Amino acid sequence: RGLVGEIIARFERRGYTIAALKLMKVDGNRARTHYAEHAGKP
């Protein structure tokens, strides 16, 4: 939806620092690791 700039701007306007940033396609392994706490849920 082209909202990444707006999202970043909101954090910057609150005074936060961007310490790392990247655009990426997420593979299944990374996704399952990220959401591991929800494994087994519907």
All heavy atoms as atom14 arrays in JSON, in Angstrom:
{
  "sequence": "RGLVGEIIARFERRGYTIAALKLMKVDGNRARTHYAEHAGKP",
  "atom14_mask": [
    [1, 1, 1, 1, 1, 1, 1, 1, 1, 1, 1, 0, 0, 0],
    [1, 1, 1, 1, 0, 0, 0, 0, 0, 0, 0, 0, 0, 0],
    [1, 1, 1, 1, 1, 1, 1, 1, 0, 0, 0, 0, 0, 0],
    [1, 1, 1, 1, 1, 1, 1, 0, 0, 0, 0, 0, 0, 0],
    [1, 1, 1, 1, 0, 0, 0, 0, 0, 0, 0, 0, 0, 0],
    [1, 1, 1, 1, 1, 1, 1, 1, 1, 0, 0, 0, 0, 0],
    [1, 1, 1, 1, 1, 1, 1, 1, 0, 0, 0, 0, 0, 0],
    [1, 1, 1, 1, 1, 1, 1, 1, 0, 0, 0, 0, 0, 0],
    [1, 1, 1, 1, 1, 0, 0, 0, 0, 0, 0, 0, 0, 0],
    [1, 1, 1, 1, 1, 1, 1, 1, 1, 1, 1, 0, 0, 0],
    [1, 1, 1, 1, 1, 1, 1, 1, 1, 1, 1, 0, 0, 0],
    [1, 1, 1, 1, 1, 1, 1, 1, 1, 0, 0, 0, 0, 0],
    [1, 1, 1, 1, 1, 1, 1, 1, 1, 1, 1, 0, 0, 0],
    [1, 1, 1, 1, 1, 1, 1, 1, 1, 1, 1, 0, 0, 0],
    [1, 1, 1, 1, 0, 0, 0, 0, 0, 0, 0, 0, 0, 0],
    [1, 1, 1, 1, 1, 1, 1, 1, 1, 1, 1, 1, 0, 0],
    [1, 1, 1, 1, 1, 1, 1, 0, 0, 0, 0, 0, 0, 0],
    [1, 1, 1, 1, 1, 1, 1, 1, 0, 0, 0, 0, 0, 0],
    [1, 1, 1, 1, 1, 0, 0, 0, 0, 0, 0, 0, 0, 0],
    [1, 1, 1, 1, 1, 0, 0, 0, 0, 0, 0, 0, 0, 0],
    [1, 1, 1, 1, 1, 1, 1, 1, 0, 0, 0, 0, 0, 0],
    [1, 1, 1, 1, 1, 1, 1, 1, 1, 0, 0, 0, 0, 0],
    [1, 1, 1, 1, 1, 1, 1, 1, 0, 0, 0, 0, 0, 0],
    [1, 1, 1, 1, 1, 1, 1, 1, 0, 0, 0, 0, 0, 0],
    [1, 1, 1, 1, 1, 1, 1, 1, 1, 0, 0, 0, 0, 0],
    [1, 1, 1, 1, 1, 1, 1, 0, 0, 0, 0, 0, 0, 0],
    [1, 1, 1, 1, 1, 1, 1, 1, 0, 0, 0, 0, 0, 0],
    [1, 1, 1, 1, 0, 0, 0, 0, 0, 0, 0, 0, 0, 0],
    [1, 1, 1, 1, 1, 1, 1, 1, 0, 0, 0, 0, 0, 0],
    [1, 1, 1, 1, 1, 1, 1, 1, 1, 1, 1, 0, 0, 0],
    [1, 1, 1, 1, 1, 0, 0, 0, 0, 0, 0, 0, 0, 0],
    [1, 1, 1, 1, 1, 1, 1, 1, 1, 1, 1, 0, 0, 0],
    [1, 1, 1, 1, 1, 1, 1, 0, 0, 0, 0, 0, 0, 0],
    [1, 1, 1, 1, 1, 1, 1, 1, 1, 1, 0, 0, 0, 0],
    [1, 1, 1, 1, 1, 1, 1, 1, 1, 1, 1, 1, 0, 0],
    [1, 1, 1, 1, 1, 0, 0, 0, 0, 0, 0, 0, 0, 0],
    [1, 1, 1, 1, 1, 1, 1, 1, 1, 0, 0, 0, 0, 0],
    [1, 1, 1, 1, 1, 1, 1, 1, 1, 1, 0, 0, 0, 0],
    [1, 1, 1, 1, 1, 0, 0, 0, 0, 0, 0, 0, 0, 0],
    [1, 1, 1, 1, 0, 0, 0, 0, 0, 0, 0, 0, 0, 0],
    [1, 1, 1, 1, 1, 1, 1, 1, 1, 0, 0, 0, 0, 0],
    [1, 1, 1, 1, 1, 1, 1, 0, 0, 0, 0, 0, 0, 0]
  ],
  "atom14_positions": [
    [[0.81, -1.22, 0.0], [0.0, 0.0, 0.0], [0.84, 1.27, 0.0], [0.3, 2.38, 0.03], [-0.94, -0.01, 1.21], [-2.02, -1.09, 1.09], [-2.9, -1.18, 2.31], [-3.54, 0.1, 2.6], [-4.05, 0.41, 3.79], [-3.99, -0.45, 4.8], [-4.6, 1.58, 3.98], [0.0, 0.0, 0.0], [0.0, 0.0, 0.0], [0.0, 0.0, 0.0]],
    [[2.16, 1.15, -0.05], [3.02, 2.32, -0.1], [3.06, 3.1, 1.21], [3.23, 4.32, 1.2], [0.0, 0.0, 0.0], [0.0, 0.0, 0.0], [0.0, 0.0, 0.0], [0.0, 0.0, 0.0], [0.0, 0.0, 0.0], [0.0, 0.0, 0.0], [0.0, 0.0, 0.0], [0.0, 0.0, 0.0], [0.0, 0.0, 0.0], [0.0, 0.0, 0.0]],
    [[2.95, 2.41, 2.35], [2.9, 3.08, 3.65], [4.2, 2.98, 4.45], [4.25, 3.47, 5.58], [1.74, 2.52, 4.48], [0.35, 2.81, 3.93], [-0.71, 2.04, 4.7], [0.07, 4.31, 3.98], [0.0, 0.0, 0.0], [0.0, 0.0, 0.0], [0.0, 0.0, 0.0], [0.0, 0.0, 0.0], [0.0, 0.0, 0.0], [0.0, 0.0, 0.0]],
    [[5.23, 2.4, 3.87], [6.48, 2.22, 4.61], [7.07, 3.57, 5.03], [7.5, 3.75, 6.17], [7.5, 1.39, 3.81], [8.86, 1.35, 4.51], [6.98, -0.03, 3.59], [0.0, 0.0, 0.0], [0.0, 0.0, 0.0], [0.0, 0.0, 0.0], [0.0, 0.0, 0.0], [0.0, 0.0, 0.0], [0.0, 0.0, 0.0], [0.0, 0.0, 0.0]],
    [[7.1, 4.53, 4.13], [7.63, 5.86, 4.46], [6.88, 6.52, 5.6], [7.47, 7.11, 6.5], [0.0, 0.0, 0.0], [0.0, 0.0, 0.0], [0.0, 0.0, 0.0], [0.0, 0.0, 0.0], [0.0, 0.0, 0.0], [0.0, 0.0, 0.0], [0.0, 0.0, 0.0], [0.0, 0.0, 0.0], [0.0, 0.0, 0.0], [0.0, 0.0, 0.0]],
    [[5.57, 6.4, 5.58], [4.73, 6.96, 6.65], [5.02, 6.26, 7.98], [5.1, 6.91, 9.02], [3.25, 6.82, 6.3], [2.3, 7.27, 7.38], [2.38, 8.75, 7.73], [2.83, 9.54, 6.88], [2.01, 9.11, 8.86], [0.0, 0.0, 0.0], [0.0, 0.0, 0.0], [0.0, 0.0, 0.0], [0.0, 0.0, 0.0], [0.0, 0.0, 0.0]],
    [[5.17, 4.95, 7.94], [5.47, 4.2, 9.16], [6.81, 4.63, 9.74], [6.93, 4.93, 10.93], [5.4, 2.68, 8.89], [3.94, 2.27, 8.64], [6.03, 1.89, 10.03], [3.77, 0.86, 8.1], [0.0, 0.0, 0.0], [0.0, 0.0, 0.0], [0.0, 0.0, 0.0], [0.0, 0.0, 0.0], [0.0, 0.0, 0.0], [0.0, 0.0, 0.0]],
    [[7.82, 4.69, 8.9], [9.15, 5.13, 9.36], [9.07, 6.55, 9.91], [9.62, 6.85, 10.97], [10.18, 5.03, 8.22], [10.44, 3.56, 7.87], [11.49, 5.73, 8.6], [11.23, 3.36, 6.59], [0.0, 0.0, 0.0], [0.0, 0.0, 0.0], [0.0, 0.0, 0.0], [0.0, 0.0, 0.0], [0.0, 0.0, 0.0], [0.0, 0.0, 0.0]],
    [[8.38, 7.43, 9.2], [8.28, 8.83, 9.63], [7.66, 8.96, 11.01], [8.08, 9.8, 11.81], [7.48, 9.63, 8.61], [0.0, 0.0, 0.0], [0.0, 0.0, 0.0], [0.0, 0.0, 0.0], [0.0, 0.0, 0.0], [0.0, 0.0, 0.0], [0.0, 0.0, 0.0], [0.0, 0.0, 0.0], [0.0, 0.0, 0.0], [0.0, 0.0, 0.0]],
    [[6.69, 8.13, 11.31], [6.04, 8.22, 12.63], [7.01, 7.88, 13.75], [7.01, 8.53, 14.79], [4.81, 7.33, 12.68], [3.7, 7.92, 11.82], [2.42, 7.21, 12.03], [1.4, 7.79, 11.16], [0.14, 7.89, 11.49], [-0.26, 7.49, 12.68], [-0.72, 8.39, 10.65], [0.0, 0.0, 0.0], [0.0, 0.0, 0.0], [0.0, 0.0, 0.0]],
    [[7.86, 6.89, 13.54], [8.85, 6.56, 14.56], [9.9, 7.67, 14.67], [10.29, 8.06, 15.77], [9.52, 5.21, 14.27], [8.57, 4.06, 14.35], [8.35, 3.24, 13.26], [7.88, 3.79, 15.53], [7.47, 2.18, 13.34], [6.98, 2.73, 15.62], [6.78, 1.91, 14.51], [0.0, 0.0, 0.0], [0.0, 0.0, 0.0], [0.0, 0.0, 0.0]],
    [[10.32, 8.19, 13.55], [11.31, 9.28, 13.58], [10.74, 10.53, 14.24], [11.42, 11.18, 15.03], [11.8, 9.59, 12.17], [12.69, 8.5, 11.61], [13.21, 8.81, 10.23], [12.47, 9.39, 9.4], [14.38, 8.46, 9.96], [0.0, 0.0, 0.0], [0.0, 0.0, 0.0], [0.0, 0.0, 0.0], [0.0, 0.0, 0.0], [0.0, 0.0, 0.0]],
    [[9.5, 10.86, 13.95], [8.88, 12.05, 14.57], [8.72, 11.89, 16.07], [8.68, 12.89, 16.79], [7.53, 12.36, 13.91], [7.69, 12.99, 12.53], [6.41, 13.61, 12.02], [5.33, 12.67, 11.86], [4.96, 12.12, 10.7], [5.62, 12.4, 9.59], [3.94, 11.28, 10.66], [0.0, 0.0, 0.0], [0.0, 0.0, 0.0], [0.0, 0.0, 0.0]],
    [[8.65, 10.67, 16.55], [8.6, 10.44, 18.01], [9.98, 10.52, 18.63], [10.11, 10.42, 19.85], [7.98, 9.07, 18.31], [6.47, 9.11, 18.16], [5.79, 8.04, 18.93], [5.75, 8.29, 20.37], [4.88, 7.71, 21.16], [3.98, 6.88, 20.66], [4.89, 7.94, 22.45], [0.0, 0.0, 0.0], [0.0, 0.0, 0.0], [0.0, 0.0, 0.0]],
    [[11.01, 10.67, 17.8], [12.36, 10.81, 18.32], [13.17, 9.54, 18.37], [14.28, 9.53, 18.92], [0.0, 0.0, 0.0], [0.0, 0.0, 0.0], [0.0, 0.0, 0.0], [0.0, 0.0, 0.0], [0.0, 0.0, 0.0], [0.0, 0.0, 0.0], [0.0, 0.0, 0.0], [0.0, 0.0, 0.0], [0.0, 0.0, 0.0], [0.0, 0.0, 0.0]],
    [[12.66, 8.46, 17.79], [13.41, 7.21, 17.77], [14.42, 7.2, 16.63], [14.25, 7.89, 15.63], [12.47, 6.02, 17.66], [11.58, 5.87, 18.87], [10.2, 5.99, 18.77], [12.12, 5.65, 20.13], [9.39, 5.87, 19.89], [11.31, 5.54, 21.25], [9.96, 5.65, 21.12], [9.16, 5.55, 22.22], [0.0, 0.0, 0.0], [0.0, 0.0, 0.0]],
    [[15.44, 6.39, 16.8], [16.51, 6.24, 15.81], [16.33, 4.93, 15.07], [16.03, 3.9, 15.69], [17.88, 6.23, 16.51], [18.05, 7.46, 17.2], [19.01, 6.07, 15.53], [0.0, 0.0, 0.0], [0.0, 0.0, 0.0], [0.0, 0.0, 0.0], [0.0, 0.0, 0.0], [0.0, 0.0, 0.0], [0.0, 0.0, 0.0], [0.0, 0.0, 0.0]],
    [[16.53, 4.95, 13.78], [16.55, 3.71, 13.0], [17.97, 3.18, 13.06], [18.89, 3.79, 12.53], [16.12, 3.95, 11.55], [14.69, 4.47, 11.52], [16.26, 2.66, 10.74], [14.24, 4.95, 10.17], [0.0, 0.0, 0.0], [0.0, 0.0, 0.0], [0.0, 0.0, 0.0], [0.0, 0.0, 0.0], [0.0, 0.0, 0.0], [0.0, 0.0, 0.0]],
    [[18.14, 2.03, 13.73], [19.46, 1.43, 13.88], [19.75, 0.4, 12.79], [20.9, 0.06, 12.55], [19.59, 0.79, 15.26], [0.0, 0.0, 0.0], [0.0, 0.0, 0.0], [0.0, 0.0, 0.0], [0.0, 0.0, 0.0], [0.0, 0.0, 0.0], [0.0, 0.0, 0.0], [0.0, 0.0, 0.0], [0.0, 0.0, 0.0], [0.0, 0.0, 0.0]],
    [[18.71, -0.1, 12.12], [18.86, -1.06, 11.02], [17.58, -1.03, 10.19], [16.49, -0.8, 10.73], [19.12, -2.46, 11.56], [0.0, 0.0, 0.0], [0.0, 0.0, 0.0], [0.0, 0.0, 0.0], [0.0, 0.0, 0.0], [0.0, 0.0, 0.0], [0.0, 0.0, 0.0], [0.0, 0.0, 0.0], [0.0, 0.0, 0.0], [0.0, 0.0, 0.0]],
    [[17.74, -1.28, 8.89], [16.59, -1.21, 7.99], [16.89, -2.01, 6.74], [17.97, -1.87, 6.16], [16.33, 0.25, 7.61], [15.25, 0.56, 6.6], [13.88, 0.44, 7.26], [15.43, 1.97, 6.05], [0.0, 0.0, 0.0], [0.0, 0.0, 0.0], [0.0, 0.0, 0.0], [0.0, 0.0, 0.0], [0.0, 0.0, 0.0], [0.0, 0.0, 0.0]],
    [[15.95, -2.88, 6.33], [16.11, -3.57, 5.06], [14.78, -4.08, 4.53], [13.89, -4.45, 5.29], [17.12, -4.71, 5.16], [16.8, -5.82, 6.14], [17.96, -6.83, 6.16], [17.89, -7.77, 7.32], [19.02, -8.68, 7.36], [0.0, 0.0, 0.0], [0.0, 0.0, 0.0], [0.0, 0.0, 0.0], [0.0, 0.0, 0.0], [0.0, 0.0, 0.0]],
    [[14.68, -4.04, 3.2], [13.55, -4.62, 2.47], [13.94, -6.04, 2.14], [15.05, -6.29, 1.65], [13.3, -3.83, 1.18], [12.26, -4.4, 0.22], [10.86, -4.25, 0.79], [12.37, -3.7, -1.13], [0.0, 0.0, 0.0], [0.0, 0.0, 0.0], [0.0, 0.0, 0.0], [0.0, 0.0, 0.0], [0.0, 0.0, 0.0], [0.0, 0.0, 0.0]],
    [[13.04, -6.99, 2.43], [13.4, -8.37, 2.18], [12.19, -9.25, 1.92], [11.09, -8.96, 2.37], [14.2, -8.93, 3.36], [13.47, -8.9, 4.68], [14.52, -9.25, 6.11], [15.09, -10.87, 5.76], [0.0, 0.0, 0.0], [0.0, 0.0, 0.0], [0.0, 0.0, 0.0], [0.0, 0.0, 0.0], [0.0, 0.0, 0.0], [0.0, 0.0, 0.0]],
    [[12.41, -10.3, 1.17], [11.43, -11.37, 0.99], [11.72, -12.38, 2.08], [12.84, -12.78, 2.3], [11.6, -11.98, -0.4], [10.6, -13.05, -0.73], [9.29, -12.48, -1.21], [8.44, -13.55, -1.86], [7.42, -14.08, -1.02], [0.0, 0.0, 0.0], [0.0, 0.0, 0.0], [0.0, 0.0, 0.0], [0.0, 0.0, 0.0], [0.0, 0.0, 0.0]],
    [[10.71, -12.77, 2.82], [10.87, -13.65, 3.98], [10.69, -15.11, 3.56], [9.7, -15.45, 2.93], [9.84, -13.29, 5.07], [10.03, -14.15, 6.3], [9.93, -11.81, 5.42], [0.0, 0.0, 0.0], [0.0, 0.0, 0.0], [0.0, 0.0, 0.0], [0.0, 0.0, 0.0], [0.0, 0.0, 0.0], [0.0, 0.0, 0.0], [0.0, 0.0, 0.0]],
    [[11.66, -15.94, 3.94], [11.53, -17.37, 3.65], [10.77, -18.06, 4.78], [10.61, -17.52, 5.88], [12.9, -18.02, 3.43], [13.79, -17.96, 4.65], [13.43, -18.57, 5.68], [14.85, -17.31, 4.59], [0.0, 0.0, 0.0], [0.0, 0.0, 0.0], [0.0, 0.0, 0.0], [0.0, 0.0, 0.0], [0.0, 0.0, 0.0], [0.0, 0.0, 0.0]],
    [[10.3, -19.26, 4.52], [9.49, -20.0, 5.48], [10.21, -20.28, 6.79], [9.59, -20.23, 7.86], [0.0, 0.0, 0.0], [0.0, 0.0, 0.0], [0.0, 0.0, 0.0], [0.0, 0.0, 0.0], [0.0, 0.0, 0.0], [0.0, 0.0, 0.0], [0.0, 0.0, 0.0], [0.0, 0.0, 0.0], [0.0, 0.0, 0.0], [0.0, 0.0, 0.0]],
    [[11.49, -20.57, 6.73], [12.26, -20.84, 7.95], [12.26, -19.64, 8.88], [12.03, -19.77, 10.07], [13.71, -21.18, 7.57], [14.06, -22.61, 7.89], [13.23, -23.37, 8.34], [15.3, -22.95, 7.62], [0.0, 0.0, 0.0], [0.0, 0.0, 0.0], [0.0, 0.0, 0.0], [0.0, 0.0, 0.0], [0.0, 0.0, 0.0], [0.0, 0.0, 0.0]],
    [[12.58, -18.48, 8.34], [12.62, -17.26, 9.15], [11.23, -16.95, 9.72], [11.08, -16.59, 10.87], [13.11, -16.07, 8.32], [13.34, -14.81, 9.16], [13.77, -13.61, 8.31], [14.8, -13.9, 7.36], [16.1, -13.62, 7.51], [16.5, -13.03, 8.62], [16.97, -13.9, 6.58], [0.0, 0.0, 0.0], [0.0, 0.0, 0.0], [0.0, 0.0, 0.0]],
    [[10.2, -17.13, 8.89], [8.83, -16.86, 9.35], [8.44, -17.79, 10.49], [7.88, -17.35, 11.5], [7.86, -17.01, 8.18], [0.0, 0.0, 0.0], [0.0, 0.0, 0.0], [0.0, 0.0, 0.0], [0.0, 0.0, 0.0], [0.0, 0.0, 0.0], [0.0, 0.0, 0.0], [0.0, 0.0, 0.0], [0.0, 0.0, 0.0], [0.0, 0.0, 0.0]],
    [[8.74, -19.09, 10.34], [8.39, -20.04, 11.4], [9.17, -19.75, 12.68], [8.63, -19.87, 13.79], [8.62, -21.47, 10.92], [7.52, -21.96, 9.97], [7.67, -23.43, 9.6], [8.82, -23.66, 8.75], [8.87, -23.43, 7.44], [7.79, -22.97, 6.83], [9.95, -23.66, 6.75], [0.0, 0.0, 0.0], [0.0, 0.0, 0.0], [0.0, 0.0, 0.0]],
    [[10.43, -19.35, 12.54], [11.23, -19.0, 13.71], [10.66, -17.76, 14.4], [10.52, -17.71, 15.62], [12.7, -18.78, 13.32], [13.21, -19.96, 12.7], [13.55, -18.42, 14.52], [0.0, 0.0, 0.0], [0.0, 0.0, 0.0], [0.0, 0.0, 0.0], [0.0, 0.0, 0.0], [0.0, 0.0, 0.0], [0.0, 0.0, 0.0], [0.0, 0.0, 0.0]],
    [[10.31, -16.77, 13.6], [9.75, -15.53, 14.16], [8.45, -15.8, 14.92], [8.23, -15.26, 16.01], [9.51, -14.51, 13.05], [8.9, -13.24, 13.54], [9.62, -12.28, 14.21], [7.62, -12.79, 13.51], [8.81, -11.28, 14.56], [7.6, -11.57, 14.14], [0.0, 0.0, 0.0], [0.0, 0.0, 0.0], [0.0, 0.0, 0.0], [0.0, 0.0, 0.0]],
    [[7.58, -16.61, 14.35], [6.27, -16.88, 14.94], [6.26, -18.16, 15.78], [5.18, -18.7, 16.07], [5.21, -16.96, 13.84], [4.86, -15.63, 13.23], [4.99, -15.41, 11.86], [4.39, -14.59, 14.01], [4.65, -14.19, 11.29], [4.05, -13.36, 13.45], [4.19, -13.18, 12.09], [3.85, -11.96, 11.53], [0.0, 0.0, 0.0], [0.0, 0.0, 0.0]],
    [[7.42, -18.65, 16.21], [7.52, -19.93, 16.93], [6.59, -20.01, 18.14], [6.05, -21.08, 18.43], [8.96, -20.17, 17.36], [0.0, 0.0, 0.0], [0.0, 0.0, 0.0], [0.0, 0.0, 0.0], [0.0, 0.0, 0.0], [0.0, 0.0, 0.0], [0.0, 0.0, 0.0], [0.0, 0.0, 0.0], [0.0, 0.0, 0.0], [0.0, 0.0, 0.0]],
    [[6.38, -18.92, 18.83], [5.51, -18.95, 20.02], [4.07, -19.3, 19.69], [3.29, -19.67, 20.56], [5.56, -17.61, 20.76], [4.95, -16.46, 19.98], [5.27, -15.1, 20.56], [6.42, -14.68, 20.46], [4.34, -14.48, 21.11], [0.0, 0.0, 0.0], [0.0, 0.0, 0.0], [0.0, 0.0, 0.0], [0.0, 0.0, 0.0], [0.0, 0.0, 0.0]],
    [[3.7, -19.18, 18.39], [2.34, -19.49, 17.97], [2.22, -20.87, 17.3], [1.13, -21.23, 16.84], [1.83, -18.41, 17.01], [1.8, -17.05, 17.62], [1.04, -16.73, 18.73], [2.47, -15.92, 17.28], [1.22, -15.46, 19.04], [2.09, -14.94, 18.19], [0.0, 0.0, 0.0], [0.0, 0.0, 0.0], [0.0, 0.0, 0.0], [0.0, 0.0, 0.0]],
    [[3.33, -21.6, 17.21], [3.31, -22.93, 16.58], [2.26, -23.79, 17.25], [2.1, -23.79, 18.47], [4.68, -23.58, 16.68], [0.0, 0.0, 0.0], [0.0, 0.0, 0.0], [0.0, 0.0, 0.0], [0.0, 0.0, 0.0], [0.0, 0.0, 0.0], [0.0, 0.0, 0.0], [0.0, 0.0, 0.0], [0.0, 0.0, 0.0], [0.0, 0.0, 0.0]],
    [[1.5, -24.5, 16.42], [0.45, -25.36, 16.94], [-0.89, -24.69, 17.1], [-1.91, -25.36, 17.31], [0.0, 0.0, 0.0], [0.0, 0.0, 0.0], [0.0, 0.0, 0.0], [0.0, 0.0, 0.0], [0.0, 0.0, 0.0], [0.0, 0.0, 0.0], [0.0, 0.0, 0.0], [0.0, 0.0, 0.0], [0.0, 0.0, 0.0], [0.0, 0.0, 0.0]],
    [[-0.93, -23.37, 17.01], [-2.2, -22.65, 17.12], [-2.88, -22.64, 15.74], [-2.21, -22.72, 14.71], [-1.98, -21.23, 17.63], [-1.43, -21.19, 19.06], [-1.18, -19.79, 19.53], [-0.57, -19.8, 20.94], [-0.13, -18.48, 21.36], [0.0, 0.0, 0.0], [0.0, 0.0, 0.0], [0.0, 0.0, 0.0], [0.0, 0.0, 0.0], [0.0, 0.0, 0.0]],
    [[-4.19, -22.53, 15.71], [-4.91, -22.62, 14.43], [-4.5, -21.56, 13.41], [-4.6, -21.8, 12.21], [-6.38, -22.46, 14.81], [-6.45, -22.54, 16.29], [-5.08, -22.39, 16.84], [0.0, 0.0, 0.0], [0.0, 0.0, 0.0], [0.0, 0.0, 0.0], [0.0, 0.0, 0.0], [0.0, 0.0, 0.0], [0.0, 0.0, 0.0], [0.0, 0.0, 0.0]]
  ]
}
